[in-house]
């Protein structure tokens, strides 16, 4: 069983990275595990859609015989990255529009081992 208190603490530590506005951990089947969800968002739907999105992207890229690294969603005033967080989960990162997606992804990867230990 996941230690959600430990995971929440790790996510809060991660969110201090420059340009990162929030991080959400979602199970591979789309269940919200932990993290900062934007106000006014239906948590269950929000989490489930990212699992579906990442799954669809993985299926599409496998047809190309490529391995998916991450998915970037560009919005009007921000952007989001969806990345693998081990075999059990995925991470949704919300960031400023001008933030360096690759740099933030590298920063977040430093926390993945600790997150996986608590899943």
Protein backbone atom coordinates (compact mmCIF):
# COMPACT_ATOMS: atom_id res chain seq x y z
CA UNK A 1 0.00 0.00 0.00
CA UNK A 2 1.30 3.45 -0.93
CA UNK A 3 2.61 5.75 1.78
CA UNK A 4 0.72 8.83 0.58
CA UNK A 5 2.05 11.05 3.37
CA UNK A 6 5.64 10.34 2.29
CA UNK A 7 4.74 10.81 -1.38
CA UNK A 8 3.00 14.14 -0.62
CA UNK A 9 6.14 15.34 1.19
CA UNK A 10 8.32 14.37 -1.79
CA UNK A 11 5.98 16.12 -4.25
CA UNK A 12 5.96 19.29 -2.12
CA UNK A 13 9.75 19.24 -2.11
CA UNK A 14 9.76 18.82 -5.91
CA UNK A 15 7.32 21.69 -6.42
CA UNK A 16 9.98 24.09 -5.13
CA UNK A 17 11.82 23.72 -8.45
CA UNK A 18 11.87 26.93 -10.46
CA UNK A 19 9.03 27.06 -12.98
CA UNK A 20 7.17 24.06 -11.54
CA UNK A 21 3.65 24.95 -10.41
CA UNK A 22 2.40 21.54 -9.36
CA UNK A 23 2.97 17.80 -9.50
CA UNK A 24 0.41 15.02 -9.39
CA UNK A 25 1.06 11.29 -9.07
CA UNK A 26 -1.46 9.03 -10.82
CA UNK A 27 -1.61 5.24 -10.97
CA UNK A 28 -1.22 3.63 -14.38
CA UNK A 29 -4.94 2.80 -14.29
CA UNK A 30 -5.84 6.47 -13.72
CA UNK A 31 -6.41 6.69 -9.97
CA UNK A 32 -5.24 9.85 -8.20
CA UNK A 33 -2.53 9.01 -5.65
CA UNK A 34 -1.14 12.34 -4.42
CA UNK A 35 -0.21 15.87 -5.36
CA UNK A 36 -1.51 19.36 -5.98
CA UNK A 37 -4.61 19.38 -8.18
CA UNK A 38 -5.70 22.75 -9.65
CA UNK A 39 -8.72 24.35 -7.98
CA UNK A 40 -12.06 23.57 -9.60
CA UNK A 41 -10.83 20.38 -11.26
CA UNK A 42 -12.69 17.08 -10.88
CA UNK A 43 -9.83 15.02 -9.44
CA UNK A 44 -10.90 11.57 -10.64
CA UNK A 45 -11.54 12.68 -14.22
CA UNK A 46 -8.37 14.79 -14.32
CA UNK A 47 -6.22 11.84 -13.17
CA UNK A 48 -7.90 9.27 -15.40
CA UNK A 49 -7.47 11.35 -18.56
CA UNK A 50 -3.70 11.55 -18.08
CA UNK A 51 -3.44 7.78 -17.76
CA UNK A 52 -5.47 7.42 -20.96
CA UNK A 53 -3.34 10.06 -22.70
CA UNK A 54 -0.05 8.41 -21.76
CA UNK A 55 -1.37 4.95 -22.70
CA UNK A 56 -2.50 6.19 -26.12
CA UNK A 57 0.84 7.89 -26.72
CA UNK A 58 2.70 4.70 -25.75
CA UNK A 59 0.58 2.62 -28.13
CA UNK A 60 1.12 5.10 -30.96
CA UNK A 61 4.88 5.28 -30.49
CA UNK A 62 5.22 1.51 -30.20
CA UNK A 63 3.88 1.28 -33.74
CA UNK A 64 6.95 3.32 -34.74
CA UNK A 65 9.20 0.95 -32.75
CA UNK A 66 10.11 3.92 -30.52
CA UNK A 67 10.02 4.27 -26.73
CA UNK A 68 7.98 7.15 -25.36
CA UNK A 69 9.95 9.53 -23.16
CA UNK A 70 7.26 12.05 -22.16
CA UNK A 71 4.23 13.95 -23.42
CA UNK A 72 4.08 17.76 -23.44
CA UNK A 73 0.75 19.61 -23.46
CA UNK A 74 1.03 23.27 -24.40
CA UNK A 75 -1.73 25.51 -23.04
CA UNK A 76 -2.39 29.24 -23.43
CA UNK A 77 -0.62 30.30 -20.25
CA UNK A 78 1.14 27.14 -19.02
CA UNK A 79 2.17 23.65 -20.04
CA UNK A 80 2.08 20.16 -18.65
CA UNK A 81 4.37 17.18 -18.97
CA UNK A 82 3.30 13.58 -18.41
CA UNK A 83 6.16 11.21 -17.56
CA UNK A 84 6.59 7.66 -16.31
CA UNK A 85 7.02 7.29 -12.55
CA UNK A 86 7.99 3.64 -12.56
CA UNK A 87 5.87 0.63 -13.45
CA UNK A 88 2.98 1.60 -11.15
CA UNK A 89 2.46 5.30 -11.78
CA UNK A 90 2.87 8.39 -13.90
CA UNK A 91 3.63 11.97 -12.97
CA UNK A 92 1.81 15.03 -14.27
CA UNK A 93 3.86 18.22 -13.98
CA UNK A 94 2.27 21.66 -14.37
CA UNK A 95 4.66 24.47 -15.19
CA UNK A 96 4.99 28.01 -16.40
CA UNK A 97 4.70 28.46 -20.17
CA UNK A 98 8.32 29.65 -20.44
CA UNK A 99 9.74 26.87 -18.23
CA UNK A 100 12.34 24.51 -19.65
CA UNK A 101 10.40 21.23 -19.91
CA UNK A 102 13.50 19.07 -20.28
CA UNK A 103 15.23 20.78 -17.36
CA UNK A 104 12.25 20.30 -15.07
CA UNK A 105 11.92 16.68 -16.19
CA UNK A 106 15.59 16.08 -15.27
CA UNK A 107 15.04 17.72 -11.87
CA UNK A 108 11.99 15.57 -11.18
CA UNK A 109 13.79 12.37 -12.19
CA UNK A 110 16.02 12.80 -9.13
CA UNK A 111 12.95 12.15 -6.95
CA UNK A 112 11.56 9.14 -8.82
CA UNK A 113 13.44 6.50 -6.83
CA UNK A 114 12.08 7.86 -3.55
CA UNK A 115 8.56 7.99 -4.98
CA UNK A 116 8.77 4.39 -6.25
CA UNK A 117 9.95 3.23 -2.81
CA UNK A 118 6.73 4.63 -1.31
CA UNK A 119 4.31 3.17 -3.88
